[in-house]
C-alpha cells in the first residue's frame, strides 16, 4: 500500500521512517514517476506532532478512506 502526499513536516517523515525501521529522518521525492496498478492507499493528511512517539498516534484522515489519486502517493527516502 501507500501513503498519500500532503505537505509533510520533518517530524512526520521521521516518525514514518522510524516506524518502518529505516532510519531517523526522511525526505519526500517529487521526481519519481508513479507506478501504475491497483494497491491500497492507506492514509492521507497524516500530520505527526512532536509529542507523537509512533505512527499510530499521528492525526490523519481515516485509514483506508481517502480521496488520494495515484499522482498523490508519497515516495519517501529514509536515512540515518
Protein backbone atom coordinates (compact mmCIF):
# COMPACT_ATOMS: atom_id res chain seq x y z
CA UNK A 1 0.00 0.00 0.00
CA UNK A 2 0.97 3.64 0.04
CA UNK A 3 0.63 6.90 1.93
CA UNK A 4 -0.74 9.95 0.15
CA UNK A 5 1.43 13.02 -0.15
CA UNK A 6 0.23 16.09 1.57
CA UNK A 7 2.79 18.59 2.79
CA UNK A 8 4.67 16.54 5.40
CA UNK A 9 6.59 18.12 8.23
CA UNK A 10 10.02 16.74 9.13
CA UNK A 11 8.60 15.15 12.29
CA UNK A 12 6.05 13.20 10.20
CA UNK A 13 8.77 11.91 7.88
CA UNK A 14 10.95 10.99 10.85
CA UNK A 15 8.17 9.01 12.56
CA UNK A 16 7.30 7.19 9.31
CA UNK A 17 10.96 6.22 8.77
CA UNK A 18 11.37 5.05 12.39
CA UNK A 19 8.11 3.06 12.14
CA UNK A 20 9.48 1.26 9.08
CA UNK A 21 12.86 0.66 10.75
CA UNK A 22 14.60 2.68 8.04
CA UNK A 23 16.37 5.46 9.94
CA UNK A 24 15.63 8.63 11.84
CA UNK A 25 14.93 11.11 9.06
CA UNK A 26 13.33 11.25 5.65
CA UNK A 27 12.63 13.32 2.57
CA UNK A 28 9.80 13.22 0.04
CA UNK A 29 10.85 12.88 -3.59
CA UNK A 30 8.81 14.61 -6.27
CA UNK A 31 10.91 13.24 -9.13
CA UNK A 32 9.65 9.64 -9.11
CA UNK A 33 7.20 8.57 -11.80
CA UNK A 34 4.12 6.95 -10.18
CA UNK A 35 3.75 3.21 -10.70
CA UNK A 36 0.58 2.07 -12.40
CA UNK A 37 -1.50 -0.61 -10.76
CA UNK A 38 -4.03 -1.15 -8.08
CA UNK A 39 -2.87 -1.02 -4.47
CA UNK A 40 -4.43 0.36 -1.32
CA UNK A 41 -3.73 3.95 -0.42
CA UNK A 42 -3.76 3.62 3.33
CA UNK A 43 -3.87 7.17 4.63
CA UNK A 44 -3.92 10.84 3.67
CA UNK A 45 -3.33 14.09 5.56
CA UNK A 46 -1.07 12.48 8.16
CA UNK A 47 0.45 15.17 10.39
CA UNK A 48 2.56 13.92 13.29
CA UNK A 49 3.32 16.12 16.27
CA UNK A 50 6.50 16.29 18.34
CA UNK A 51 4.62 14.56 21.16
CA UNK A 52 3.74 11.52 18.99
CA UNK A 53 6.03 8.55 19.55
CA UNK A 54 4.51 6.22 16.96
CA UNK A 55 2.79 6.45 13.59
CA UNK A 56 -0.49 5.27 15.14
CA UNK A 57 -0.65 8.40 17.33
CA UNK A 58 -0.39 10.84 14.41
CA UNK A 59 -3.62 12.59 13.39
CA UNK A 60 -4.81 11.82 9.85
CA UNK A 61 -7.84 11.23 7.71
CA UNK A 62 -9.49 7.87 8.48
CA UNK A 63 -7.31 4.94 7.36
CA UNK A 64 -8.39 3.36 4.07
CA UNK A 65 -10.93 6.15 3.50
CA UNK A 66 -9.39 8.87 1.39
CA UNK A 67 -9.63 10.56 -1.96
CA UNK A 68 -5.98 10.11 -2.89
CA UNK A 69 -5.05 9.71 -6.54
CA UNK A 70 -2.06 7.83 -7.98
CA UNK A 71 -0.19 11.11 -8.57
CA UNK A 72 -0.52 11.98 -4.87
CA UNK A 73 1.37 8.99 -3.49
CA UNK A 74 4.34 9.90 -1.30
CA UNK A 75 7.77 8.49 -2.18
CA UNK A 76 9.85 8.77 0.97
CA UNK A 77 13.60 8.21 1.25
CA UNK A 78 14.82 7.47 4.76
CA UNK A 79 18.32 7.87 6.20
CA UNK A 80 20.17 7.78 9.48
